[in-house]
Full PDB file with SEQRES, HELIX, SHEET, SSBOND, CRYST1, ORIGX, SCALE, CONECT and MASTER records, all heavy atoms in Angstrom:
SEQRES   1 A   37  VAL PRO PHE GLN THR MET TYR LYS TYR ILE LEU ASP GLU          
SEQRES   2 A   37  LEU GLU THR ALA GLY ASN LEU LEU ASN GLY PHE THR ARG          
SEQRES   3 A   37  SER ALA LYS ASN LEU PRO ASN SER ALA VAL VAL                  
HELIX    1 AA1 PHE A    3  LEU A   21  1                                  19    
CRYST1    1.000    1.000    1.000  90.00  90.00  90.00 P 1           1          
ORIGX1      1.000000  0.000000  0.000000        0.00000                         
ORIGX2      0.000000  1.000000  0.000000        0.00000                         
ORIGX3      0.000000  0.000000  1.000000        0.00000                         
SCALE1      1.000000  0.000000  0.000000        0.00000                         
SCALE2      0.000000  1.000000  0.000000        0.00000                         
SCALE3      0.000000  0.000000  1.000000        0.00000                         
ATOM      1  N   VAL A   1       0.835  -1.201   0.000  1.00  0.00           N  
ATOM      2  CA  VAL A   1       0.000   0.000   0.000  1.00  0.00           C  
ATOM      3  C   VAL A   1       0.871   1.253   0.000  1.00  0.00           C  
ATOM      4  O   VAL A   1       1.994   1.242   0.517  1.00  0.00           O  
ATOM      5  CB  VAL A   1      -0.967   0.024   1.206  1.00  0.00           C  
ATOM      6  CG1 VAL A   1      -1.891  -1.178   1.168  1.00  0.00           C  
ATOM      7  CG2 VAL A   1      -0.202   0.082   2.523  1.00  0.00           C  
ATOM      8  N   PRO A   2       0.363   2.365  -0.566  1.00  0.00           N  
ATOM      9  CA  PRO A   2       1.131   3.609  -0.560  1.00  0.00           C  
ATOM     10  C   PRO A   2       1.257   4.172   0.842  1.00  0.00           C  
ATOM     11  O   PRO A   2       0.480   3.837   1.755  1.00  0.00           O  
ATOM     12  CB  PRO A   2       0.312   4.528  -1.470  1.00  0.00           C  
ATOM     13  CG  PRO A   2      -1.070   3.977  -1.439  1.00  0.00           C  
ATOM     14  CD  PRO A   2      -0.913   2.497  -1.277  1.00  0.00           C  
ATOM     15  N   PHE A   3       2.233   5.051   1.015  1.00  0.00           N  
ATOM     16  CA  PHE A   3       2.552   5.543   2.359  1.00  0.00           C  
ATOM     17  C   PHE A   3       1.351   6.188   3.040  1.00  0.00           C  
ATOM     18  O   PHE A   3       1.153   6.023   4.242  1.00  0.00           O  
ATOM     19  CB  PHE A   3       3.723   6.528   2.284  1.00  0.00           C  
ATOM     20  CG  PHE A   3       3.336   7.924   1.889  1.00  0.00           C  
ATOM     21  CD1 PHE A   3       2.991   8.866   2.843  1.00  0.00           C  
ATOM     22  CD2 PHE A   3       3.280   8.301   0.552  1.00  0.00           C  
ATOM     23  CE1 PHE A   3       2.613  10.159   2.482  1.00  0.00           C  
ATOM     24  CE2 PHE A   3       2.902   9.577   0.190  1.00  0.00           C  
ATOM     25  CZ  PHE A   3       2.564  10.512   1.158  1.00  0.00           C  
ATOM     26  N   GLN A   4       0.525   6.929   2.287  1.00  0.00           N  
ATOM     27  CA  GLN A   4      -0.578   7.629   2.947  1.00  0.00           C  
ATOM     28  C   GLN A   4      -1.591   6.650   3.524  1.00  0.00           C  
ATOM     29  O   GLN A   4      -2.155   6.883   4.615  1.00  0.00           O  
ATOM     30  CB  GLN A   4      -1.253   8.611   1.981  1.00  0.00           C  
ATOM     31  CG  GLN A   4      -1.998   8.003   0.810  1.00  0.00           C  
ATOM     32  CD  GLN A   4      -1.116   7.815  -0.419  1.00  0.00           C  
ATOM     33  OE1 GLN A   4       0.110   7.771  -0.300  1.00  0.00           O  
ATOM     34  NE2 GLN A   4      -1.723   7.729  -1.596  1.00  0.00           N  
ATOM     35  N   THR A   5      -1.809   5.549   2.834  1.00  0.00           N  
ATOM     36  CA  THR A   5      -2.722   4.529   3.354  1.00  0.00           C  
ATOM     37  C   THR A   5      -2.155   3.881   4.600  1.00  0.00           C  
ATOM     38  O   THR A   5      -2.859   3.680   5.601  1.00  0.00           O  
ATOM     39  CB  THR A   5      -2.980   3.452   2.282  1.00  0.00           C  
ATOM     40  OG1 THR A   5      -3.521   4.079   1.118  1.00  0.00           O  
ATOM     41  CG2 THR A   5      -3.938   2.382   2.786  1.00  0.00           C  
ATOM     42  N   MET A   6      -0.872   3.548   4.545  1.00  0.00           N  
ATOM     43  CA  MET A   6      -0.235   2.882   5.675  1.00  0.00           C  
ATOM     44  C   MET A   6      -0.180   3.778   6.910  1.00  0.00           C  
ATOM     45  O   MET A   6      -0.525   3.349   8.031  1.00  0.00           O  
ATOM     46  CB  MET A   6       1.170   2.424   5.302  1.00  0.00           C  
ATOM     47  CG  MET A   6       1.945   1.773   6.444  1.00  0.00           C  
ATOM     48  SD  MET A   6       1.123   0.300   7.114  1.00  0.00           S  
ATOM     49  CE  MET A   6       1.553  -0.897   5.852  1.00  0.00           C  
ATOM     50  N   TYR A   7       0.232   5.028   6.738  1.00  0.00           N  
ATOM     51  CA  TYR A   7       0.391   5.888   7.909  1.00  0.00           C  
ATOM     52  C   TYR A   7      -0.957   6.291   8.500  1.00  0.00           C  
ATOM     53  O   TYR A   7      -1.071   6.472   9.720  1.00  0.00           O  
ATOM     54  CB  TYR A   7       1.264   7.100   7.583  1.00  0.00           C  
ATOM     55  CG  TYR A   7       2.726   6.731   7.570  1.00  0.00           C  
ATOM     56  CD1 TYR A   7       3.406   6.454   6.387  1.00  0.00           C  
ATOM     57  CD2 TYR A   7       3.437   6.597   8.769  1.00  0.00           C  
ATOM     58  CE1 TYR A   7       4.735   6.080   6.385  1.00  0.00           C  
ATOM     59  CE2 TYR A   7       4.772   6.225   8.782  1.00  0.00           C  
ATOM     60  CZ  TYR A   7       5.416   5.967   7.580  1.00  0.00           C  
ATOM     61  OH  TYR A   7       6.729   5.582   7.600  1.00  0.00           O  
ATOM     62  N   LYS A   8      -1.967   6.433   7.671  1.00  0.00           N  
ATOM     63  CA  LYS A   8      -3.309   6.659   8.229  1.00  0.00           C  
ATOM     64  C   LYS A   8      -3.744   5.441   9.041  1.00  0.00           C  
ATOM     65  O   LYS A   8      -4.314   5.577  10.135  1.00  0.00           O  
ATOM     66  CB  LYS A   8      -4.329   6.932   7.127  1.00  0.00           C  
ATOM     67  CG  LYS A   8      -5.739   7.183   7.684  1.00  0.00           C  
ATOM     68  CD  LYS A   8      -6.754   7.426   6.607  1.00  0.00           C  
ATOM     69  CE  LYS A   8      -8.124   7.786   7.217  1.00  0.00           C  
ATOM     70  NZ  LYS A   8      -8.654   6.741   8.109  1.00  0.00           N  
ATOM     71  N   TYR A   9      -3.468   4.256   8.515  1.00  0.00           N  
ATOM     72  CA  TYR A   9      -3.817   3.034   9.237  1.00  0.00           C  
ATOM     73  C   TYR A   9      -3.097   2.984  10.587  1.00  0.00           C  
ATOM     74  O   TYR A   9      -3.710   2.663  11.622  1.00  0.00           O  
ATOM     75  CB  TYR A   9      -3.453   1.810   8.399  1.00  0.00           C  
ATOM     76  CG  TYR A   9      -3.731   0.502   9.094  1.00  0.00           C  
ATOM     77  CD1 TYR A   9      -4.995  -0.067   9.070  1.00  0.00           C  
ATOM     78  CD2 TYR A   9      -2.726  -0.156   9.799  1.00  0.00           C  
ATOM     79  CE1 TYR A   9      -5.256  -1.260   9.726  1.00  0.00           C  
ATOM     80  CE2 TYR A   9      -2.973  -1.348  10.456  1.00  0.00           C  
ATOM     81  CZ  TYR A   9      -4.241  -1.906  10.417  1.00  0.00           C  
ATOM     82  OH  TYR A   9      -4.494  -3.076  11.075  1.00  0.00           O  
ATOM     83  N   ILE A  10      -1.810   3.286  10.605  1.00  0.00           N  
ATOM     84  CA  ILE A  10      -1.034   3.248  11.845  1.00  0.00           C  
ATOM     85  C   ILE A  10      -1.601   4.244  12.855  1.00  0.00           C  
ATOM     86  O   ILE A  10      -1.783   3.925  14.040  1.00  0.00           O  
ATOM     87  CB  ILE A  10       0.454   3.552  11.559  1.00  0.00           C  
ATOM     88  CG1 ILE A  10       1.081   2.410  10.756  1.00  0.00           C  
ATOM     89  CG2 ILE A  10       1.222   3.779  12.859  1.00  0.00           C  
ATOM     90  CD1 ILE A  10       2.434   2.746  10.169  1.00  0.00           C  
ATOM     91  N   LEU A  11      -1.881   5.459  12.403  1.00  0.00           N  
ATOM     92  CA  LEU A  11      -2.423   6.471  13.306  1.00  0.00           C  
ATOM     93  C   LEU A  11      -3.805   6.087  13.814  1.00  0.00           C  
ATOM     94  O   LEU A  11      -4.134   6.315  14.989  1.00  0.00           O  
ATOM     95  CB  LEU A  11      -2.467   7.823  12.599  1.00  0.00           C  
ATOM     96  CG  LEU A  11      -1.089   8.465  12.349  1.00  0.00           C  
ATOM     97  CD1 LEU A  11      -1.202   9.622  11.372  1.00  0.00           C  
ATOM     98  CD2 LEU A  11      -0.464   8.930  13.668  1.00  0.00           C  
ATOM     99  N   ASP A  12      -4.624   5.491  12.962  1.00  0.00           N  
ATOM    100  CA  ASP A  12      -5.941   5.009  13.398  1.00  0.00           C  
ATOM    101  C   ASP A  12      -5.789   3.902  14.441  1.00  0.00           C  
ATOM    102  O   ASP A  12      -6.534   3.848  15.432  1.00  0.00           O  
ATOM    103  CB  ASP A  12      -6.752   4.499  12.208  1.00  0.00           C  
ATOM    104  CG  ASP A  12      -7.232   5.614  11.295  1.00  0.00           C  
ATOM    105  OD1 ASP A  12      -7.159   6.797  11.698  1.00  0.00           O  
ATOM    106  OD2 ASP A  12      -7.674   5.307  10.169  1.00  0.00           O  
ATOM    107  N   GLU A  13      -4.827   3.001  14.209  1.00  0.00           N  
ATOM    108  CA  GLU A  13      -4.562   1.929  15.177  1.00  0.00           C  
ATOM    109  C   GLU A  13      -4.164   2.502  16.533  1.00  0.00           C  
ATOM    110  O   GLU A  13      -4.619   2.035  17.591  1.00  0.00           O  
ATOM    111  CB  GLU A  13      -3.432   1.029  14.667  1.00  0.00           C  
ATOM    112  CG  GLU A  13      -3.845  -0.017  13.666  1.00  0.00           C  
ATOM    113  CD  GLU A  13      -4.677  -1.108  14.307  1.00  0.00           C  
ATOM    114  OE1 GLU A  13      -4.110  -2.019  14.928  1.00  0.00           O  
ATOM    115  OE2 GLU A  13      -5.916  -1.035  14.209  1.00  0.00           O  
ATOM    116  N   LEU A  14      -3.321   3.510  16.503  1.00  0.00           N  
ATOM    117  CA  LEU A  14      -2.856   4.108  17.751  1.00  0.00           C  
ATOM    118  C   LEU A  14      -3.973   4.867  18.452  1.00  0.00           C  
ATOM    119  O   LEU A  14      -4.041   4.876  19.688  1.00  0.00           O  
ATOM    120  CB  LEU A  14      -1.662   5.023  17.478  1.00  0.00           C  
ATOM    121  CG  LEU A  14      -0.386   4.294  17.053  1.00  0.00           C  
ATOM    122  CD1 LEU A  14       0.687   5.285  16.625  1.00  0.00           C  
ATOM    123  CD2 LEU A  14       0.139   3.402  18.179  1.00  0.00           C  
ATOM    124  N   GLU A  15      -4.836   5.497  17.680  1.00  0.00           N  
ATOM    125  CA  GLU A  15      -5.974   6.182  18.283  1.00  0.00           C  
ATOM    126  C   GLU A  15      -6.891   5.166  18.976  1.00  0.00           C  
ATOM    127  O   GLU A  15      -7.344   5.389  20.106  1.00  0.00           O  
ATOM    128  CB  GLU A  15      -6.742   6.953  17.214  1.00  0.00           C  
ATOM    129  CG  GLU A  15      -7.763   7.936  17.760  1.00  0.00           C  
ATOM    130  CD  GLU A  15      -7.130   9.072  18.546  1.00  0.00           C  
ATOM    131  OE1 GLU A  15      -5.953   9.390  18.304  1.00  0.00           O  
ATOM    132  OE2 GLU A  15      -7.815   9.635  19.414  1.00  0.00           O  
ATOM    133  N   THR A  16      -7.142   4.067  18.289  1.00  0.00           N  
ATOM    134  CA  THR A  16      -7.950   3.001  18.886  1.00  0.00           C  
ATOM    135  C   THR A  16      -7.291   2.446  20.138  1.00  0.00           C  
ATOM    136  O   THR A  16      -7.935   2.259  21.181  1.00  0.00           O  
ATOM    137  CB  THR A  16      -8.167   1.867  17.866  1.00  0.00           C  
ATOM    138  OG1 THR A  16      -8.863   2.369  16.732  1.00  0.00           O  
ATOM    139  CG2 THR A  16      -8.951   0.717  18.476  1.00  0.00           C  
ATOM    140  N   ALA A  17      -5.991   2.181  20.052  1.00  0.00           N  
ATOM    141  CA  ALA A  17      -5.254   1.635  21.197  1.00  0.00           C  
ATOM    142  C   ALA A  17      -5.293   2.592  22.374  1.00  0.00           C  
ATOM    143  O   ALA A  17      -5.482   2.177  23.528  1.00  0.00           O  
ATOM    144  CB  ALA A  17      -3.809   1.352  20.794  1.00  0.00           C  
ATOM    145  N   GLY A  18      -5.108   3.888  22.105  1.00  0.00           N  
ATOM    146  CA  GLY A  18      -5.124   4.868  23.179  1.00  0.00           C  
ATOM    147  C   GLY A  18      -6.455   4.911  23.904  1.00  0.00           C  
ATOM    148  O   GLY A  18      -6.506   5.006  25.144  1.00  0.00           O  
ATOM    149  N   ASN A  19      -7.538   4.832  23.147  1.00  0.00           N  
ATOM    150  CA  ASN A  19      -8.872   4.825  23.763  1.00  0.00           C  
ATOM    151  C   ASN A  19      -9.090   3.574  24.599  1.00  0.00           C  
ATOM    152  O   ASN A  19      -9.661   3.629  25.698  1.00  0.00           O  
ATOM    153  CB  ASN A  19      -9.943   4.926  22.680  1.00  0.00           C  
ATOM    154  CG  ASN A  19      -9.955   6.287  21.996  1.00  0.00           C  
ATOM    155  OD1 ASN A  19      -9.556   7.297  22.588  1.00  0.00           O  
ATOM    156  ND2 ASN A  19     -10.392   6.322  20.752  1.00  0.00           N  
ATOM    157  N   LEU A  20      -8.648   2.442  24.094  1.00  0.00           N  
ATOM    158  CA  LEU A  20      -8.842   1.178  24.806  1.00  0.00           C  
ATOM    159  C   LEU A  20      -8.001   1.103  26.079  1.00  0.00           C  
ATOM    160  O   LEU A  20      -8.418   0.499  27.075  1.00  0.00           O  
ATOM    161  CB  LEU A  20      -8.499   0.005  23.895  1.00  0.00           C  
ATOM    162  CG  LEU A  20      -9.469  -0.261  22.744  1.00  0.00           C  
ATOM    163  CD1 LEU A  20      -8.838  -1.215  21.727  1.00  0.00           C  
ATOM    164  CD2 LEU A  20     -10.781  -0.853  23.274  1.00  0.00           C  
ATOM    165  N   LEU A  21      -6.829   1.706  26.051  1.00  0.00           N  
ATOM    166  CA  LEU A  21      -5.915   1.611  27.190  1.00  0.00           C  
ATOM    167  C   LEU A  21      -6.042   2.787  28.146  1.00  0.00           C  
ATOM    168  O   LEU A  21      -5.312   2.845  29.140  1.00  0.00           O  
ATOM    169  CB  LEU A  21      -4.470   1.501  26.687  1.00  0.00           C  
ATOM    170  CG  LEU A  21      -4.121   0.225  25.912  1.00  0.00           C  
ATOM    171  CD1 LEU A  21      -2.692   0.295  25.388  1.00  0.00           C  
ATOM    172  CD2 LEU A  21      -4.311  -1.014  26.775  1.00  0.00           C  
ATOM    173  N   ASN A  22      -6.934   3.691  27.861  1.00  0.00           N  
ATOM    174  CA  ASN A  22      -7.132   4.841  28.744  1.00  0.00           C  
ATOM    175  C   ASN A  22      -7.539   4.365  30.137  1.00  0.00           C  
ATOM    176  O   ASN A  22      -8.541   3.655  30.309  1.00  0.00           O  
ATOM    177  CB  ASN A  22      -8.205   5.762  28.166  1.00  0.00           C  
ATOM    178  CG  ASN A  22      -8.360   7.029  28.981  1.00  0.00           C  
ATOM    179  OD1 ASN A  22      -7.395   7.536  29.560  1.00  0.00           O  
ATOM    180  ND2 ASN A  22      -9.572   7.547  29.040  1.00  0.00           N  
ATOM    181  N   GLY A  23      -6.734   4.724  31.120  1.00  0.00           N  
ATOM    182  CA  GLY A  23      -7.020   4.310  32.493  1.00  0.00           C  
ATOM    183  C   GLY A  23      -6.476   2.949  32.874  1.00  0.00           C  
ATOM    184  O   GLY A  23      -6.591   2.538  34.029  1.00  0.00           O  
ATOM    185  N   PHE A  24      -5.875   2.255  31.931  1.00  0.00           N  
ATOM    186  CA  PHE A  24      -5.335   0.918  32.194  1.00  0.00           C  
ATOM    187  C   PHE A  24      -4.039   1.014  32.993  1.00  0.00           C  
ATOM    188  O   PHE A  24      -3.112   1.737  32.618  1.00  0.00           O  
ATOM    189  CB  PHE A  24      -5.097   0.196  30.869  1.00  0.00           C  
ATOM    190  CG  PHE A  24      -4.176  -0.995  30.945  1.00  0.00           C  
ATOM    191  CD1 PHE A  24      -4.429  -2.041  31.812  1.00  0.00           C  
ATOM    192  CD2 PHE A  24      -3.054  -1.074  30.130  1.00  0.00           C  
ATOM    193  CE1 PHE A  24      -3.587  -3.146  31.879  1.00  0.00           C  
ATOM    194  CE2 PHE A  24      -2.204  -2.167  30.175  1.00  0.00           C  
ATOM    195  CZ  PHE A  24      -2.474  -3.209  31.056  1.00  0.00           C  
ATOM    196  N   THR A  25      -3.974   0.306  34.105  1.00  0.00           N  
ATOM    197  CA  THR A  25      -2.750   0.220  34.904  1.00  0.00           C  
ATOM    198  C   THR A  25      -2.136  -1.148  34.660  1.00  0.00           C  
ATOM    199  O   THR A  25      -2.711  -2.174  35.030  1.00  0.00           O  
ATOM    200  CB  THR A  25      -3.056   0.399  36.400  1.00  0.00           C  
ATOM    201  OG1 THR A  25      -3.666   1.676  36.605  1.00  0.00           O  
ATOM    202  CG2 THR A  25      -1.768   0.321  37.216  1.00  0.00           C  
ATOM    203  N   ARG A  26      -1.000  -1.174  34.048  1.00  0.00           N  
ATOM    204  CA  ARG A  26      -0.387  -2.446  33.653  1.00  0.00           C  
ATOM    205  C   ARG A  26       0.333  -3.099  34.825  1.00  0.00           C  
ATOM    206  O   ARG A  26       0.770  -2.436  35.766  1.00  0.00           O  
ATOM    207  CB  ARG A  26       0.587  -2.221  32.499  1.00  0.00           C  
ATOM    208  CG  ARG A  26       1.703  -1.237  32.798  1.00  0.00           C  
ATOM    209  CD  ARG A  26       2.501  -0.884  31.565  1.00  0.00           C  
ATOM    210  NE  ARG A  26       3.516   0.135  31.847  1.00  0.00           N  
ATOM    211  CZ  ARG A  26       4.351   0.631  30.945  1.00  0.00           C  
ATOM    212  NH1 ARG A  26       4.287   0.206  29.696  1.00  0.00           N  
ATOM    213  NH2 ARG A  26       5.225   1.552  31.277  1.00  0.00           N  
ATOM    214  N   SER A  27       0.463  -4.404  34.729  1.00  0.00           N  
ATOM    215  CA  SER A  27       1.134  -5.171  35.775  1.00  0.00           C  
ATOM    216  C   SER A  27       2.646  -5.155  35.616  1.00  0.00           C  
ATOM    217  O   SER A  27       3.379  -5.377  36.577  1.00  0.00           O  
ATOM    218  CB  SER A  27       0.635  -6.620  35.764  1.00  0.00           C  
ATOM    219  OG  SER A  27       0.849  -7.212  34.479  1.00  0.00           O  
ATOM    220  N   ALA A  28       3.124  -4.914  34.400  1.00  0.00           N  
ATOM    221  CA  ALA A  28       4.565  -4.868  34.136  1.00  0.00           C  
ATOM    222  C   ALA A  28       4.792  -4.057  32.869  1.00  0.00           C  
ATOM    223  O   ALA A  28       3.889  -3.895  32.042  1.00  0.00           O  
ATOM    224  CB  ALA A  28       5.128  -6.278  33.972  1.00  0.00           C  
ATOM    225  N   LYS A  29       6.011  -3.560  32.701  1.00  0.00           N  
ATOM    226  CA  LYS A  29       6.299  -2.658  31.585  1.00  0.00           C  
ATOM    227  C   LYS A  29       6.534  -3.373  30.256  1.00  0.00           C  
ATOM    228  O   LYS A  29       6.878  -2.731  29.266  1.00  0.00           O  
ATOM    229  CB  LYS A  29       7.484  -1.759  31.928  1.00  0.00           C  
ATOM    230  CG  LYS A  29       7.148  -0.700  32.954  1.00  0.00           C  
ATOM    231  CD  LYS A  29       8.210   0.387  33.048  1.00  0.00           C  
ATOM    232  CE  LYS A  29       9.440  -0.052  33.754  1.00  0.00           C  
ATOM    233  NZ  LYS A  29      10.404   1.055  33.979  1.00  0.00           N  
ATOM    234  N   ASN A  30       6.341  -4.680  30.207  1.00  0.00           N  
ATOM    235  CA  ASN A  30       6.363  -5.341  28.905  1.00  0.00           C  
ATOM    236  C   ASN A  30       5.022  -5.191  28.192  1.00  0.00           C  
ATOM    237  O   ASN A  30       4.904  -5.502  27.007  1.00  0.00           O  
ATOM    238  CB  ASN A  30       6.744  -6.815  29.031  1.00  0.00           C  
ATOM    239  CG  ASN A  30       5.727  -7.629  29.813  1.00  0.00           C  
ATOM    240  OD1 ASN A  30       5.044  -7.116  30.694  1.00  0.00           O  
ATOM    241  ND2 ASN A  30       5.639  -8.901  29.491  1.00  0.00           N  
ATOM    242  N   LEU A  31       4.004  -4.707  28.906  1.00  0.00           N  
ATOM    243  CA  LEU A  31       2.709  -4.396  28.315  1.00  0.00           C  
ATOM    244  C   LEU A  31       2.676  -2.910  27.977  1.00  0.00           C  
ATOM    245  O   LEU A  31       3.051  -2.077  28.814  1.00  0.00           O  
ATOM    246  CB  LEU A  31       1.575  -4.729  29.283  1.00  0.00           C  
ATOM    247  CG  LEU A  31       1.386  -6.204  29.643  1.00  0.00           C  
ATOM    248  CD1 LEU A  31       0.347  -6.338  30.754  1.00  0.00           C  
ATOM    249  CD2 LEU A  31       0.962  -7.014  28.419  1.00  0.00           C  
ATOM    250  N   PRO A  32       2.213  -2.544  26.790  1.00  0.00           N  
ATOM    251  CA  PRO A  32       2.105  -1.121  26.468  1.00  0.00           C  
ATOM    252  C   PRO A  32       0.955  -0.477  27.230  1.00  0.00           C  
ATOM    253  O   PRO A  32       0.005  -1.153  27.624  1.00  0.00           O  
ATOM    254  CB  PRO A  32       1.833  -1.131  24.957  1.00  0.00           C  
ATOM    255  CG  PRO A  32       1.170  -2.443  24.697  1.00  0.00           C  
ATOM    256  CD  PRO A  32       1.795  -3.412  25.668  1.00  0.00           C  
ATOM    257  N   ASN A  33       1.050   0.824  27.452  1.00  0.00           N  
ATOM    258  CA  ASN A  33      -0.043   1.581  28.052  1.00  0.00           C  
ATOM    259  C   ASN A  33      -0.245   2.869  27.262  1.00  0.00           C  
ATOM    260  O   ASN A  33       0.331   3.041  26.181  1.00  0.00           O  
ATOM    261  CB  ASN A  33       0.234   1.852  29.537  1.00  0.00           C  
ATOM    262  CG  ASN A  33       1.480   2.695  29.757  1.00  0.00           C  
ATOM    263  OD1 ASN A  33       2.114   3.148  28.805  1.00  0.00           O  
ATOM    264  ND2 ASN A  33       1.835   2.904  31.008  1.00  0.00           N  
ATOM    265  N   SER A  34      -1.057   3.778  27.771  1.00  0.00           N  
ATOM    266  CA  SER A  34      -1.375   4.982  27.014  1.00  0.00           C  
ATOM    267  C   SER A  34      -0.143   5.860  26.786  1.00  0.00           C  
ATOM    268  O   SER A  34      -0.048   6.558  25.769  1.00  0.00           O  
ATOM    269  CB  SER A  34      -2.465   5.785  27.730  1.00  0.00           C  
ATOM    270  OG  SER A  34      -2.082   6.094  29.059  1.00  0.00           O  
ATOM    271  N   ALA A  35       0.821   5.840  27.706  1.00  0.00           N  
ATOM    272  CA  ALA A  35       2.051   6.609  27.508  1.00  0.00           C  
ATOM    273  C   ALA A  35       2.859   6.053  26.344  1.00  0.00           C  
ATOM    274  O   ALA A  35       3.436   6.806  25.543  1.00  0.00           O  
ATOM    275  CB  ALA A  35       2.892   6.597  28.788  1.00  0.00           C  
ATOM    276  N   VAL A  36       2.906   4.735  26.227  1.00  0.00           N  
ATOM    277  CA  VAL A  36       3.596   4.099  25.106  1.00  0.00           C  
ATOM    278  C   VAL A  36       2.903   4.445  23.791  1.00  0.00           C  
ATOM    279  O   VAL A  36       3.563   4.734  22.778  1.00  0.00           O  
ATOM    280  CB  VAL A  36       3.654   2.573  25.294  1.00  0.00           C  
ATOM    281  CG1 VAL A  36       4.133   1.873  24.021  1.00  0.00           C  
ATOM    282  CG2 VAL A  36       4.553   2.223  26.472  1.00  0.00           C  
ATOM    283  N   VAL A  37       1.583   4.448  23.801  1.00  0.00           N  
ATOM    284  CA  VAL A  37       0.831   4.820  22.603  1.00  0.00           C  
ATOM    285  C   VAL A  37       1.181   6.244  22.188  1.00  0.00           C  
ATOM    286  O   VAL A  37       1.407   6.524  21.005  1.00  0.00           O  
ATOM    287  CB  VAL A  37      -0.686   4.685  22.845  1.00  0.00           C  
ATOM    288  CG1 VAL A  37      -1.476   5.274  21.680  1.00  0.00           C  
ATOM    289  CG2 VAL A  37      -1.059   3.218  23.048  1.00  0.00           C  
TER     290      VAL A  37                                                      
MASTER        0    0    0    1    0    0    0    6  289    1    0    3          
END                                                                             
């Protein structure tokens, strides 16, 4: 896919991840959290 399709997809993924992990307190730093996003 062209770069614009890929980077929009990545940013959409991160937006989704950030919403899902909002308020999540991880048990260890091998798990990503909202700061990692």
